[in-house]
Amino acid sequence: MKRIMSTLQTTQPFWKKNSLKIIAIVALLAVLGVSVQRWGFGPEVDAFRVEQRDFVQTVVASGHVENAHRVDIGAQITGTVKSVPVAEGQTVQAKQILIELENTELQAGLQQAAINVQQAAAKLRQLREVQTPVTEQALKQALATQETSQHALQRSQELYEKGFTGQAALDESQRIAKVTQSQVFSLKDQMASLKEGGSESVLAQANLSQAKAGSELARARLRYAQISAPISGTLISRNVEPGDVVLAGKILMVLSPAGATELVAQIDEKHLSQLTLGQAATASADAYSKDQFTAVLSYINPGVDAQRGSVTVKLKVPQAPAYLQQDMTVSLNIEVAKRSQAILVATEAVQEIEKSPWVYVIKNGKAVRQPIQIGLRGPGYCEVLQGLQAHEVVIRNATGIQNNARVRIKPLAVQP
């Protein structure tokens, strides 16, 4: 029996007896095959195809939305809020009513002021239409009386000198003449005061002017009871409700004016020489990243921020999207240069780009080092002035690749 078992063991297949050796040999052959393949055909590499198309160089920056100014809206008088017909976030037009205050007392004050104007005007009219003519007539009568008294005095003086009358009669004539003369002087002064520029006329005119000023003040205070929008814009803050007692000067609303929307950004000072007023830009709000709008470079700060190594720029937005709000974060691409049908290579493929740029061009299955001259640079691509032609293929990552070494392009690796 033992001999039978021994015979069976010795008759087992060769591959079962040497399975581990076979696996080791197969693995060794696979490694040798890969090595031979790499030695004969080179490693697989990612590659880009050189393009020729219109190219725009841009300066990329991040900024925020900023309106030219904000308008603080408050009451000019102390009062109780009657109504607030607008809501926060609402777009309002210039002169639109924003807040109404109780105005019953102000209406009464305006009526009283109007009555004062009427009284002052009536007093001035009475002065001109009644007192002046009456005084003129009284002055004429006084002048006539004065003339009569003077004649009477003269006759009394003659009769006294001839001895026909006594001293008492002469004294009485003198008294009457003095009284009439005094009346004439008084009426002349009164007449002068009633004429244009006289004291009575000036005082009456001043009273009328004062009454009119009081009326204008009452009318202005009544207007203050209605607080309106000074310009068109959007209410970005509202801190008042009906029934509130508000004080003069207290800020009740904040208005962001319509139009004049600007984008403010910090640009690295190394790009300063590329910036020029009037350059176009493409912008997008981070909250609406898929929606782009245009802007125009309108201001470049002449000073550089030494701490951040940047310069402040502002861009106007000719047609701001409705969703664009104060202080929103935006991304900017400022167009600083353009080239028509430029030769472009992917930036990833360029080595020593800041010193002596070069790339590996795949020619006849080999990586050939090719010096190039760089022109415009933008996100992801560089313009090649010399050294490459359109449709040539360059290696994406040159790490570990030797000049003139054999390489193979990975399937579907070449970019269109």
Protein backbone atom coordinates (compact mmCIF):
# COMPACT_ATOMS: atom_id res chain seq x y z
CA MET A 1 0.00 0.00 0.00
CA LYS A 2 2.81 2.39 0.88
CA ARG A 3 4.51 1.51 -2.36
CA ILE A 4 1.34 2.35 -4.28
CA MET A 5 1.08 5.75 -2.57
CA SER A 6 4.68 6.50 -3.27
CA THR A 7 4.16 5.63 -6.90
CA LEU A 8 1.18 7.95 -7.09
CA GLN A 9 3.17 10.82 -5.61
CA THR A 10 6.00 10.37 -8.06
CA THR A 11 3.56 10.36 -10.97
CA GLN A 12 1.97 13.84 -10.11
CA PRO A 13 2.05 16.47 -12.96
CA PHE A 14 5.18 18.59 -13.31
CA TRP A 15 3.35 21.97 -12.97
CA LYS A 16 1.89 20.95 -9.61
CA LYS A 17 5.27 19.95 -8.29
CA ASN A 18 6.94 23.19 -9.50
CA SER A 19 4.09 25.75 -9.31
CA LEU A 20 5.99 28.30 -7.21
CA LYS A 21 8.96 28.14 -9.56
CA ILE A 22 6.70 28.60 -12.57
CA ILE A 23 5.03 31.70 -10.99
CA ALA A 24 8.42 33.22 -10.21
CA ILE A 25 9.62 32.60 -13.74
CA VAL A 26 6.46 34.18 -15.26
CA ALA A 27 6.81 37.26 -13.03
CA LEU A 28 10.47 37.59 -13.97
CA LEU A 29 9.62 37.34 -17.65
CA ALA A 30 6.92 40.05 -17.23
CA VAL A 31 9.36 42.41 -15.54
CA LEU A 32 11.93 41.70 -18.21
CA GLY A 33 9.28 42.33 -20.87
CA VAL A 34 8.33 45.74 -19.37
CA SER A 35 11.98 46.68 -19.00
CA VAL A 36 12.68 45.68 -22.58
CA GLN A 37 9.64 47.64 -23.70
CA ARG A 38 10.71 50.74 -21.72
CA TRP A 39 14.26 50.39 -23.01
CA GLY A 40 13.14 49.88 -26.56
CA PHE A 41 10.15 52.29 -26.78
CA GLY A 42 10.49 54.55 -23.71
CA PRO A 43 8.07 55.43 -20.86
CA GLU A 44 4.54 56.66 -21.42
CA VAL A 45 4.07 60.42 -21.01
CA ASP A 46 1.20 62.94 -20.98
CA ALA A 47 1.40 65.44 -23.79
CA PHE A 48 -0.15 68.62 -25.16
CA ARG A 49 -0.58 69.69 -28.74
CA VAL A 50 0.62 73.22 -29.61
CA GLU A 51 -2.35 75.42 -30.61
CA GLN A 52 -2.79 78.40 -32.89
CA ARG A 53 -5.70 80.71 -32.12
CA ASP A 54 -6.62 84.18 -30.91
CA PHE A 55 -5.25 84.77 -27.42
CA VAL A 56 -6.07 87.30 -24.70
CA GLN A 57 -3.69 87.96 -21.84
CA THR A 58 -5.49 88.73 -18.61
CA VAL A 59 -4.64 89.81 -15.09
CA VAL A 60 -6.67 87.83 -12.60
CA ALA A 61 -7.79 89.43 -9.34
CA SER A 62 -10.43 89.24 -6.64
CA GLY A 63 -12.36 92.28 -5.45
CA HIS A 64 -15.68 93.49 -4.12
CA VAL A 65 -18.65 95.59 -5.20
CA GLU A 66 -18.67 99.18 -4.01
CA ASN A 67 -21.14 101.95 -4.78
CA ALA A 68 -19.88 105.50 -5.08
CA HIS A 69 -21.49 106.42 -1.75
CA ARG A 70 -24.30 105.58 0.62
CA VAL A 71 -27.03 107.96 1.71
CA ASP A 72 -28.07 108.03 5.36
CA ILE A 73 -31.73 109.04 5.69
CA GLY A 74 -33.13 110.52 8.90
CA ALA A 75 -35.76 112.88 10.27
CA GLN A 76 -35.14 116.63 10.46
CA ILE A 77 -37.70 117.09 13.20
CA THR A 78 -38.81 115.11 16.23
CA GLY A 79 -42.10 113.31 15.70
CA THR A 80 -44.13 110.13 15.73
CA VAL A 81 -43.99 107.82 12.71
CA LYS A 82 -47.34 107.53 10.99
CA SER A 83 -46.40 105.07 8.22
CA VAL A 84 -43.44 103.48 6.43
CA PRO A 85 -44.65 102.59 2.90
CA VAL A 86 -41.38 100.92 1.76
CA ALA A 87 -39.48 97.78 2.76
CA GLU A 88 -35.80 96.91 3.12
CA GLY A 89 -34.28 95.80 -0.18
CA GLN A 90 -36.88 97.70 -2.21
CA THR A 91 -35.83 99.83 -5.16
CA VAL A 92 -37.16 103.38 -4.85
CA GLN A 93 -37.28 106.39 -7.13
CA ALA A 94 -36.13 109.93 -6.39
CA LYS A 95 -38.73 111.91 -4.32
CA GLN A 96 -40.65 108.74 -3.43
CA ILE A 97 -42.10 108.90 0.10
CA LEU A 98 -40.18 106.68 2.52
CA ILE A 99 -41.49 107.73 5.96
CA GLU A 100 -44.52 109.79 7.06
CA LEU A 101 -44.73 111.50 10.46
CA GLU A 102 -47.85 112.69 12.29
CA ASN A 103 -48.54 116.25 11.06
CA THR A 104 -51.71 117.51 12.80
CA GLU A 105 -49.82 120.01 14.94
CA LEU A 106 -47.72 121.06 11.98
CA GLN A 107 -50.83 121.69 9.88
CA ALA A 108 -52.23 123.93 12.64
CA GLY A 109 -48.93 125.80 12.84
CA LEU A 110 -49.04 126.43 9.09
CA GLN A 111 -52.61 127.79 9.33
CA GLN A 112 -51.61 130.14 12.16
CA ALA A 113 -48.63 131.33 10.15
CA ALA A 114 -50.87 132.01 7.16
CA ILE A 115 -53.16 134.15 9.38
CA ASN A 116 -50.17 136.13 10.63
CA VAL A 117 -49.19 136.84 7.02
CA GLN A 118 -52.69 138.07 6.27
CA GLN A 119 -52.69 140.37 9.30
CA ALA A 120 -49.29 141.84 8.47
CA ALA A 121 -50.28 142.36 4.84
CA ALA A 122 -53.54 144.05 5.93
CA LYS A 123 -51.62 146.35 8.29
CA LEU A 124 -49.28 147.41 5.49
CA ARG A 125 -52.21 147.93 3.12
CA GLN A 126 -54.04 149.99 5.76
CA LEU A 127 -50.92 152.08 6.19
CA ARG A 128 -50.74 152.81 2.49
CA GLU A 129 -54.42 153.04 1.65
CA VAL A 130 -55.86 154.74 4.77
CA GLN A 131 -53.32 156.28 7.10
CA THR A 132 -51.24 157.94 4.40
CA PRO A 133 -54.17 159.71 2.63
CA VAL A 134 -55.70 160.78 6.01
CA THR A 135 -52.38 162.18 7.17
CA GLU A 136 -51.87 163.97 3.87
CA GLN A 137 -55.30 165.62 4.27
CA ALA A 138 -54.62 166.54 7.89
CA LEU A 139 -51.31 168.09 6.86
CA LYS A 140 -53.04 170.21 4.23
CA GLN A 141 -55.56 171.42 6.82
CA ALA A 142 -52.80 172.16 9.32
CA LEU A 143 -50.89 174.18 6.73
CA ALA A 144 -54.04 176.18 5.99
CA THR A 145 -54.67 176.74 9.69
CA GLN A 146 -51.06 177.76 10.14
CA GLU A 147 -51.37 180.32 7.37
CA THR A 148 -54.58 181.72 8.96
CA SER A 149 -52.99 181.89 12.41
CA GLN A 150 -50.00 183.72 10.99
CA HIS A 151 -52.28 186.32 9.39
CA ALA A 152 -54.21 186.67 12.66
CA LEU A 153 -50.99 187.12 14.62
CA GLN A 154 -49.84 189.76 12.18
CA ARG A 155 -53.12 191.69 12.58
CA SER A 156 -53.00 191.35 16.37
CA GLN A 157 -49.48 192.70 16.35
CA GLU A 158 -50.53 195.73 14.28
CA LEU A 159 -53.58 196.43 16.50
CA TYR A 160 -51.45 196.10 19.64
CA GLU A 161 -48.93 198.55 18.30
CA LYS A 162 -51.74 201.05 17.52
CA GLY A 163 -53.23 200.58 20.98
CA PHE A 164 -56.48 199.05 19.87
CA THR A 165 -55.87 195.69 21.68
CA GLY A 166 -54.15 194.68 24.83
CA GLN A 167 -51.32 192.33 25.60
CA ALA A 168 -53.65 189.42 26.28
CA ALA A 169 -55.05 189.41 22.77
CA LEU A 170 -51.53 189.49 21.30
CA ASP A 171 -50.41 186.61 23.51
CA GLU A 172 -53.40 184.52 22.45
CA SER A 173 -52.61 185.07 18.78
CA GLN A 174 -49.01 184.07 19.34
CA ARG A 175 -50.08 180.90 21.17
CA ILE A 176 -52.44 179.88 18.38
CA ALA A 177 -49.72 180.45 15.75
CA LYS A 178 -47.25 178.26 17.70
CA VAL A 179 -49.81 175.46 18.12
CA THR A 180 -50.64 175.38 14.43
CA GLN A 181 -46.95 175.40 13.53
CA SER A 182 -46.35 172.51 15.93
CA GLN A 183 -49.22 170.57 14.36
CA VAL A 184 -47.68 171.08 10.91
CA PHE A 185 -44.28 169.83 12.06
CA SER A 186 -45.88 166.75 13.69
CA LEU A 187 -47.92 165.87 10.62
CA LYS A 188 -44.91 166.32 8.36
CA ASP A 189 -42.92 163.87 10.52
CA GLN A 190 -45.83 161.44 10.51
CA MET A 191 -46.15 161.79 6.74
CA ALA A 192 -42.46 161.10 6.29
CA SER A 193 -42.71 157.93 8.38
CA LEU A 194 -45.61 156.70 6.27
CA LYS A 195 -43.85 157.17 2.96
CA GLU A 196 -41.71 154.39 1.35
CA GLY A 197 -38.55 154.09 3.43
CA GLY A 198 -40.12 155.79 6.45
CA SER A 199 -40.11 154.21 9.90
CA GLU A 200 -43.80 153.22 9.90
CA SER A 201 -43.56 151.79 6.40
CA VAL A 202 -40.35 149.92 7.17
CA LEU A 203 -41.81 148.49 10.39
CA ALA A 204 -44.96 147.30 8.63
CA GLN A 205 -42.89 145.79 5.83
CA ALA A 206 -40.65 144.05 8.37
CA ASN A 207 -43.68 142.61 10.16
CA LEU A 208 -44.98 141.26 6.85
CA SER A 209 -41.59 139.73 6.00
CA GLN A 210 -41.39 138.15 9.43
CA ALA A 211 -44.87 136.67 9.04
CA LYS A 212 -43.95 135.28 5.62
CA ALA A 213 -40.76 133.76 7.03
CA GLY A 214 -42.80 132.16 9.79
CA SER A 215 -45.14 130.77 7.16
CA GLU A 216 -42.24 129.33 5.15
CA LEU A 217 -40.83 127.78 8.32
CA ALA A 218 -44.17 126.19 9.14
CA ARG A 219 -44.48 124.93 5.57
CA ALA A 220 -40.95 123.50 5.69
CA ARG A 221 -41.63 121.75 8.99
CA LEU A 222 -44.75 120.29 7.44
CA ARG A 223 -42.66 119.03 4.49
CA TYR A 224 -40.24 117.48 6.98
CA ALA A 225 -43.12 115.27 8.10
CA GLN A 226 -42.75 113.45 4.77
CA ILE A 227 -39.26 111.97 4.36
CA SER A 228 -38.59 111.19 0.70
CA ALA A 229 -35.75 109.59 -1.26
CA PRO A 230 -33.21 112.21 -2.38
CA ILE A 231 -32.15 110.01 -5.34
CA SER A 232 -33.12 106.69 -6.87
CA GLY A 233 -31.60 103.57 -5.35
CA THR A 234 -32.10 100.52 -3.17
CA LEU A 235 -32.87 100.56 0.55
CA ILE A 236 -30.21 98.42 2.17
CA SER A 237 -31.24 99.20 5.75
CA ARG A 238 -34.47 100.18 7.55
CA ASN A 239 -34.58 100.87 11.29
CA VAL A 240 -38.01 102.42 11.81
CA GLU A 241 -41.58 101.22 12.27
CA PRO A 242 -44.99 102.98 12.54
CA GLY A 243 -45.54 104.35 16.04
CA ASP A 244 -41.85 104.98 16.75
CA VAL A 245 -40.90 108.36 18.16
CA VAL A 246 -37.92 109.56 16.15
CA LEU A 247 -35.46 112.32 16.94
CA ALA A 248 -34.01 114.85 14.57
CA GLY A 249 -30.74 113.62 13.07
CA LYS A 250 -31.27 109.94 13.88
CA ILE A 251 -30.47 107.62 10.93
CA LEU A 252 -33.59 105.66 10.03
CA MET A 253 -32.68 104.20 6.62
CA VAL A 254 -29.64 103.70 4.39
CA LEU A 255 -30.02 104.12 0.64
CA SER A 256 -27.63 102.66 -1.92
CA PRO A 257 -27.87 104.93 -4.99
CA ALA A 258 -28.74 103.41 -8.35
CA GLY A 259 -26.01 103.28 -10.98
CA ALA A 260 -22.37 104.20 -10.49
CA THR A 261 -21.54 100.64 -9.41
CA GLU A 262 -17.80 100.03 -9.10
CA LEU A 263 -15.59 97.02 -8.48
CA VAL A 264 -12.58 97.56 -6.22
CA ALA A 265 -9.64 95.14 -6.32
CA GLN A 266 -6.03 94.82 -5.22
CA ILE A 267 -3.64 93.98 -8.09
CA ASP A 268 -0.14 92.61 -7.51
CA GLU A 269 2.31 95.42 -8.23
CA LYS A 270 4.20 93.24 -10.73
CA HIS A 271 1.25 93.71 -13.10
CA LEU A 272 1.18 97.50 -12.74
CA SER A 273 3.02 98.13 -16.02
CA GLN A 274 0.38 96.13 -17.90
CA LEU A 275 -2.60 98.14 -16.64
CA THR A 276 -4.07 101.02 -18.63
CA LEU A 277 -7.25 103.03 -18.08
CA GLY A 278 -10.09 101.89 -20.32
CA GLN A 279 -9.08 98.21 -20.44
CA ALA A 280 -12.02 95.83 -20.60
CA ALA A 281 -12.59 93.16 -17.99
CA THR A 282 -14.85 90.19 -17.42
CA ALA A 283 -16.27 89.85 -13.92
CA SER A 284 -18.45 87.42 -12.03
CA ALA A 285 -19.87 87.50 -8.53
CA ASP A 286 -18.81 84.52 -6.46
CA ALA A 287 -22.45 83.95 -5.51
CA TYR A 288 -23.40 83.80 -9.23
CA SER A 289 -20.19 82.39 -10.69
CA LYS A 290 -21.80 81.15 -13.93
CA ASP A 291 -23.05 84.63 -14.84
CA GLN A 292 -20.45 87.03 -16.24
CA PHE A 293 -20.69 90.77 -16.89
CA THR A 294 -18.38 93.39 -18.33
CA ALA A 295 -16.46 96.15 -16.55
CA VAL A 296 -14.01 98.87 -17.54
CA LEU A 297 -10.84 99.86 -15.70
CA SER A 298 -11.50 103.45 -14.58
CA TYR A 299 -8.99 104.19 -11.80
CA ILE A 300 -5.46 103.12 -10.86
CA ASN A 301 -4.17 104.29 -7.51
CA PRO A 302 -0.85 106.10 -8.03
CA GLY A 303 0.50 104.69 -4.77
CA VAL A 304 1.51 101.11 -3.95
CA ASP A 305 0.57 99.44 -0.67
CA ALA A 306 4.00 98.55 0.70
CA GLN A 307 2.68 95.99 3.18
CA ARG A 308 0.68 93.99 0.65
CA GLY A 309 2.75 94.80 -2.44
CA SER A 310 -0.37 95.69 -4.36
CA VAL A 311 -2.10 98.61 -6.02
CA THR A 312 -5.79 99.50 -5.73
CA VAL A 313 -7.81 99.67 -8.95
CA LYS A 314 -11.45 100.47 -9.64
CA LEU A 315 -13.61 99.29 -12.52
CA LYS A 316 -16.93 100.76 -13.61
CA VAL A 317 -19.82 98.45 -14.44
CA PRO A 318 -21.83 100.00 -17.32
CA GLN A 319 -24.78 97.64 -16.86
CA ALA A 320 -24.74 96.09 -13.42
CA PRO A 321 -26.81 92.90 -13.00
CA ALA A 322 -29.85 93.25 -10.76
CA TYR A 323 -28.42 90.80 -8.24
CA LEU A 324 -25.19 92.76 -7.73
CA GLN A 325 -25.17 94.16 -4.19
CA GLN A 326 -22.86 96.22 -2.02
CA ASP A 327 -19.72 94.40 -0.77
CA MET A 328 -20.30 91.26 -2.87
CA THR A 329 -17.08 89.37 -3.67
CA VAL A 330 -16.24 89.27 -7.38
CA SER A 331 -13.61 87.61 -9.56
CA LEU A 332 -11.97 89.71 -12.29
CA ASN A 333 -10.14 89.00 -15.52
CA ILE A 334 -8.69 92.25 -16.85
CA GLU A 335 -7.72 92.07 -20.53
CA VAL A 336 -4.27 93.65 -20.80
CA ALA A 337 -3.22 92.43 -24.28
CA LYS A 338 -4.51 90.53 -27.35
CA ARG A 339 -2.87 88.46 -30.10
CA SER A 340 -4.47 87.20 -33.29
CA GLN A 341 -3.67 83.59 -34.26
CA ALA A 342 -0.96 83.23 -31.63
CA ILE A 343 1.09 80.02 -31.16
CA LEU A 344 0.12 78.74 -27.71
CA VAL A 345 1.64 76.13 -25.43
CA ALA A 346 0.31 74.90 -22.11
CA THR A 347 2.10 76.54 -19.20
CA GLU A 348 2.53 73.14 -17.53
CA ALA A 349 4.81 72.04 -20.34
CA VAL A 350 7.21 74.99 -20.05
CA GLN A 351 10.32 74.48 -17.91
CA GLU A 352 12.32 77.32 -16.32
CA ILE A 353 9.69 79.75 -17.51
CA GLU A 354 11.13 82.71 -15.59
CA LYS A 355 14.74 82.18 -16.78
CA SER A 356 15.40 80.38 -20.04
CA PRO A 357 12.16 78.64 -20.99
CA TRP A 358 12.21 75.37 -22.89
CA VAL A 359 9.99 72.39 -23.59
CA TYR A 360 10.34 68.75 -24.60
CA VAL A 361 9.01 68.26 -28.11
CA ILE A 362 8.22 64.70 -29.17
CA LYS A 363 9.95 64.01 -32.50
CA ASN A 364 10.19 60.52 -33.98
CA GLY A 365 9.35 58.98 -30.62
CA LYS A 366 12.00 60.96 -28.73
CA ALA A 367 11.85 63.83 -26.22
CA VAL A 368 13.86 66.64 -27.76
CA ARG A 369 14.67 69.66 -25.64
CA GLN A 370 13.58 72.83 -27.46
CA PRO A 371 14.35 76.39 -26.22
CA ILE A 372 11.45 78.80 -26.78
CA GLN A 373 10.77 82.51 -26.49
CA ILE A 374 7.72 83.47 -24.43
CA GLY A 375 5.41 86.40 -25.25
CA LEU A 376 2.03 86.96 -23.59
CA ARG A 377 1.07 84.82 -20.64
CA GLY A 378 -2.37 83.95 -19.41
CA PRO A 379 -4.12 81.40 -17.22
CA GLY A 380 -2.99 77.99 -18.46
CA TYR A 381 -1.26 79.10 -21.68
CA CYS A 382 1.76 81.04 -22.92
CA GLU A 383 2.33 82.66 -26.28
CA VAL A 384 5.37 81.26 -28.09
CA LEU A 385 7.21 83.79 -30.23
CA GLN A 386 9.96 81.43 -31.36
CA GLY A 387 10.77 77.73 -31.07
CA LEU A 388 7.46 75.96 -31.76
CA GLN A 389 4.99 75.48 -34.56
CA ALA A 390 1.28 74.76 -34.42
CA HIS A 391 0.28 71.10 -33.87
CA GLU A 392 3.65 70.03 -32.48
CA VAL A 393 3.37 67.80 -29.43
CA VAL A 394 5.11 68.68 -26.15
CA ILE A 395 5.48 66.69 -22.94
CA ARG A 396 3.32 67.83 -20.08
CA ASN A 397 5.60 66.81 -17.20
CA ALA A 398 9.33 66.58 -17.94
CA THR A 399 10.30 65.10 -14.58
CA GLY A 400 12.73 62.20 -15.05
CA ILE A 401 12.88 62.62 -18.82
CA GLN A 402 16.29 62.89 -20.46
CA ASN A 403 17.01 64.80 -23.65
CA ASN A 404 16.65 62.58 -26.76
CA ALA A 405 15.20 59.78 -24.63
CA ARG A 406 12.57 57.53 -26.22
CA VAL A 407 9.04 58.16 -24.98
CA ARG A 408 5.54 56.96 -25.76
CA ILE A 409 2.41 59.12 -25.61
CA LYS A 410 -0.28 57.76 -23.34
CA PRO A 411 -3.49 56.87 -25.15
CA LEU A 412 -5.82 59.93 -25.42
CA ALA A 413 -3.19 62.03 -23.61
CA VAL A 414 -2.63 64.62 -26.35
CA GLN A 415 -4.96 67.57 -25.85
CA PRO A 416 -6.90 68.76 -28.94
